[in-house]
N, C-alpha and C. Protein backbone atom coordinates (compact mmCIF):
# COMPACT_ATOMS: atom_id res chain seq x y z
N MET A 1 -17.47 7.42 31.06
CA MET A 1 -17.28 8.18 30.55
C MET A 1 -15.78 7.40 30.55
N GLY A 2 -15.54 6.59 31.37
CA GLY A 2 -13.77 6.45 31.25
C GLY A 2 -13.90 5.39 30.15
N MET A 3 -15.19 4.21 30.27
CA MET A 3 -15.23 3.61 28.97
C MET A 3 -14.78 4.37 27.00
N ASN A 4 -16.01 5.69 27.55
CA ASN A 4 -14.87 6.21 26.16
C ASN A 4 -13.42 6.74 26.17
N LEU A 5 -12.97 6.99 27.04
CA LEU A 5 -11.80 7.07 27.06
C LEU A 5 -10.83 6.34 27.19
N PHE A 6 -11.06 4.73 27.36
CA PHE A 6 -10.49 4.06 27.36
C PHE A 6 -11.20 3.63 25.71
N SER A 7 -11.97 3.15 25.35
CA SER A 7 -11.96 3.15 23.88
C SER A 7 -11.30 4.12 23.16
N LYS A 8 -10.89 5.18 23.06
CA LYS A 8 -10.61 6.39 21.89
C LYS A 8 -9.39 5.62 22.20
N ASP A 9 -8.42 5.71 23.81
CA ASP A 9 -6.94 5.54 23.28
C ASP A 9 -6.38 4.20 22.98
N TYR A 10 -7.61 3.50 23.08
CA TYR A 10 -7.60 1.76 22.64
C TYR A 10 -7.33 1.23 21.00
N LEU A 11 -7.93 3.13 20.44
CA LEU A 11 -8.51 2.89 19.43
C LEU A 11 -7.25 3.70 18.39
N GLN A 12 -6.60 4.30 18.79
CA GLN A 12 -5.61 5.07 18.91
C GLN A 12 -4.22 4.36 18.33
N ALA A 13 -4.43 3.68 20.06
CA ALA A 13 -2.80 2.63 19.86
C ALA A 13 -3.23 1.25 18.77
N TRP A 14 -4.10 1.15 18.33
CA TRP A 14 -4.00 0.40 17.40
C TRP A 14 -3.99 0.75 15.89
N SER A 15 -4.50 1.73 15.36
CA SER A 15 -4.50 2.69 14.32
C SER A 15 -2.80 2.70 14.32
N VAL A 16 -2.17 3.35 15.66
CA VAL A 16 -0.52 3.33 15.03
C VAL A 16 0.00 2.21 15.01
N GLY A 17 -0.63 1.13 15.42
CA GLY A 17 0.18 -0.36 15.38
C GLY A 17 -0.26 -0.57 13.87
N LEU A 18 -1.11 -0.74 13.72
CA LEU A 18 -1.59 -0.99 12.03
C LEU A 18 -0.76 -0.26 10.78
N GLY A 19 -1.16 1.07 11.20
CA GLY A 19 -0.42 2.12 10.18
C GLY A 19 1.35 1.91 10.39
N LEU A 20 1.75 1.36 11.50
CA LEU A 20 3.21 1.07 11.10
C LEU A 20 3.38 -0.32 10.21
N VAL A 21 2.18 -1.22 10.33
CA VAL A 21 2.66 -2.49 9.19
C VAL A 21 2.08 -2.48 8.08
N ILE A 22 1.01 -1.44 8.19
CA ILE A 22 0.89 -1.25 6.82
C ILE A 22 1.30 -0.17 5.98
N SER A 23 2.31 0.14 5.87
CA SER A 23 3.25 1.22 5.33
C SER A 23 4.25 0.31 5.33
N THR A 24 4.43 -0.50 6.28
CA THR A 24 5.94 -1.29 5.65
C THR A 24 5.36 -2.36 4.48
N PHE A 25 4.64 -2.72 4.94
CA PHE A 25 4.03 -4.27 4.34
C PHE A 25 4.26 -3.15 2.54
N VAL A 26 3.19 -1.91 2.43
CA VAL A 26 3.01 -1.09 1.36
C VAL A 26 4.55 -0.74 0.44
N GLY A 27 5.69 -0.82 1.10
CA GLY A 27 7.02 -0.16 0.91
C GLY A 27 7.32 -1.47 -0.07
N LEU A 28 7.23 -2.44 1.11
CA LEU A 28 7.86 -3.84 0.79
C LEU A 28 7.19 -4.26 -0.88
N GLY A 29 5.31 -4.49 -0.59
CA GLY A 29 5.13 -5.20 -1.89
C GLY A 29 5.44 -3.71 -3.33
N ILE A 30 5.11 -2.37 -3.09
CA ILE A 30 6.01 -1.37 -4.04
C ILE A 30 7.53 -1.88 -4.64
N GLY A 31 8.45 -2.06 -3.59
CA GLY A 31 9.38 -2.41 -4.29
C GLY A 31 10.01 -3.52 -4.61
N TYR A 32 9.37 -4.50 -4.24
CA TYR A 32 9.27 -5.75 -5.01
C TYR A 32 8.55 -5.86 -5.84
N TRP A 33 7.44 -5.51 -6.64
CA TRP A 33 7.36 -4.99 -7.92
C TRP A 33 8.16 -4.13 -8.25
N LEU A 34 8.37 -3.54 -8.39
CA LEU A 34 9.71 -2.48 -9.12
C LEU A 34 10.98 -3.09 -9.33
N ASP A 35 11.35 -3.85 -8.48
CA ASP A 35 12.48 -4.86 -9.11
C ASP A 35 12.21 -6.23 -9.54
N ARG A 36 10.51 -6.66 -9.41
CA ARG A 36 10.50 -7.44 -10.53
C ARG A 36 10.58 -6.86 -12.14
N TRP A 37 10.13 -5.89 -12.42
CA TRP A 37 9.36 -4.97 -13.67
C TRP A 37 10.46 -4.59 -14.09
N LEU A 38 11.81 -4.09 -12.99
CA LEU A 38 13.25 -3.20 -13.72
C LEU A 38 14.39 -4.32 -13.46
N ASN A 39 13.73 -4.99 -13.60
CA ASN A 39 14.77 -6.56 -12.90
C ASN A 39 16.28 -5.73 -11.98
N THR A 40 15.51 -5.49 -10.80
CA THR A 40 17.05 -4.43 -9.98
C THR A 40 17.33 -5.58 -8.44
N SER A 41 16.46 -6.75 -9.13
CA SER A 41 16.45 -7.51 -7.43
C SER A 41 17.30 -7.32 -6.43
N PRO A 42 17.79 -6.85 -5.67
CA PRO A 42 16.66 -7.06 -4.43
C PRO A 42 16.68 -5.78 -3.98
N TRP A 43 17.52 -4.58 -5.04
CA TRP A 43 18.18 -3.44 -4.25
C TRP A 43 16.52 -2.80 -4.05
N LEU A 44 15.72 -2.35 -5.16
CA LEU A 44 14.45 -1.18 -4.58
C LEU A 44 13.58 -2.02 -3.85
N THR A 45 13.01 -3.00 -3.57
CA THR A 45 12.91 -3.99 -2.25
C THR A 45 13.06 -3.15 -1.20
N ILE A 46 14.80 -3.13 -1.08
CA ILE A 46 14.67 -2.90 0.41
C ILE A 46 14.71 -1.34 0.37
N ILE A 47 15.77 -0.46 -0.57
CA ILE A 47 14.69 0.50 -0.50
C ILE A 47 13.56 0.94 -0.13
N PHE A 48 12.80 0.48 -0.37
CA PHE A 48 10.93 1.18 0.09
C PHE A 48 10.62 0.13 1.03
N LEU A 49 11.20 -0.87 1.38
CA LEU A 49 10.32 -1.95 2.60
C LEU A 49 11.60 -0.42 4.17
N ILE A 50 12.72 0.17 3.62
CA ILE A 50 12.88 1.49 4.36
C ILE A 50 12.23 2.34 4.66
N LEU A 51 11.86 3.02 3.26
CA LEU A 51 11.37 4.28 3.40
C LEU A 51 9.87 4.00 3.54
N GLY A 52 8.97 2.69 3.73
CA GLY A 52 7.60 2.45 4.01
C GLY A 52 7.98 2.32 5.79
N ILE A 53 9.32 1.57 6.40
CA ILE A 53 9.30 1.60 8.12
C ILE A 53 9.44 3.12 8.54
N ILE A 54 10.42 3.98 7.73
CA ILE A 54 10.30 5.50 8.12
C ILE A 54 9.35 6.07 8.08
N SER A 55 8.75 5.40 7.04
CA SER A 55 6.90 6.18 7.06
C SER A 55 5.95 5.81 8.25
N GLY A 56 6.21 4.88 8.46
CA GLY A 56 5.25 4.08 9.50
C GLY A 56 5.58 5.21 11.16
N PHE A 57 6.95 5.09 11.35
CA PHE A 57 7.71 5.49 12.67
C PHE A 57 7.23 7.26 12.52
N ARG A 58 7.72 7.85 11.61
CA ARG A 58 6.89 9.33 11.28
C ARG A 58 5.65 9.50 11.89
N ASP A 59 4.99 8.54 11.09
CA ASP A 59 3.47 8.72 12.01
C ASP A 59 3.43 8.35 13.52
N LEU A 60 3.77 7.52 13.40
CA LEU A 60 4.18 7.35 15.08
C LEU A 60 4.06 8.59 15.91
N LEU A 61 5.51 9.18 15.79
CA LEU A 61 6.22 10.18 16.61
C LEU A 61 5.12 11.24 16.48
N ARG A 62 4.65 11.13 14.73
CA ARG A 62 3.49 12.33 14.67
C ARG A 62 2.24 12.71 15.87
N MET A 63 1.74 10.93 15.74
CA MET A 63 0.30 11.02 16.86
C MET A 63 1.15 11.49 18.27
N ALA A 64 2.40 10.40 18.75
CA ALA A 64 2.83 10.73 19.87
C ALA A 64 2.97 12.47 20.36
N ARG A 65 2.94 13.39 19.12
CA ARG A 65 4.12 14.53 19.44
C ARG A 65 1.68 15.10 19.54
N ARG A 66 1.17 14.84 19.04
CA ARG A 66 0.06 14.93 18.96
C ARG A 66 -0.97 14.60 20.24
N GLN A 67 -0.39 13.85 20.63
CA GLN A 67 -0.52 13.39 22.27
C GLN A 67 -0.18 14.21 23.84
N ASP A 68 0.42 14.61 22.76
CA ASP A 68 1.00 15.67 23.87
C ASP A 68 0.95 16.55 24.08
N ASN A 69 0.81 17.16 23.09
CA ASN A 69 0.97 18.70 22.46
C ASN A 69 -0.63 19.50 21.96
N GLY A 70 -2.08 18.46 21.69
CA GLY A 70 -2.57 18.33 21.10
C GLY A 70 -2.68 18.24 19.34
N PRO A 71 -4.08 18.92 19.23
CA PRO A 71 -3.51 18.73 17.65
C PRO A 71 -2.58 19.50 17.08
N ASP A 72 -1.95 18.43 15.79
CA ASP A 72 -0.74 19.51 14.85
C ASP A 72 -1.61 20.20 14.24
N PRO A 73 -0.73 21.64 14.04
CA PRO A 73 -1.60 22.60 13.06
C PRO A 73 -1.15 21.67 11.65
N LYS A 74 -0.11 21.25 11.40
CA LYS A 74 -0.27 20.59 10.07
C LYS A 74 -1.41 20.15 9.09
N ASP A 75 -1.91 19.04 10.85
CA ASP A 75 -3.19 18.28 10.42
C ASP A 75 -4.27 19.23 10.17
N HIS A 76 -5.12 19.55 9.13
CA HIS A 76 -6.03 20.81 9.04
C HIS A 76 -7.25 19.56 9.17
């Protein structure tokens, strides 16, 4: 049973870290693509990179709250 708990905690930590990295790179990619399409470099890259980082940290905080308080009522 202890092994299952360790595995669950390990997977949750892995998913939080991976989600933070993925959201950052998705924001960066969208901003870069829009900058090249609209010829507005580097502004949209910077804006979407910041939005990606904010999104990743928001998910990190949501998961931390879920650990402390149980399931989030917003997540059906």
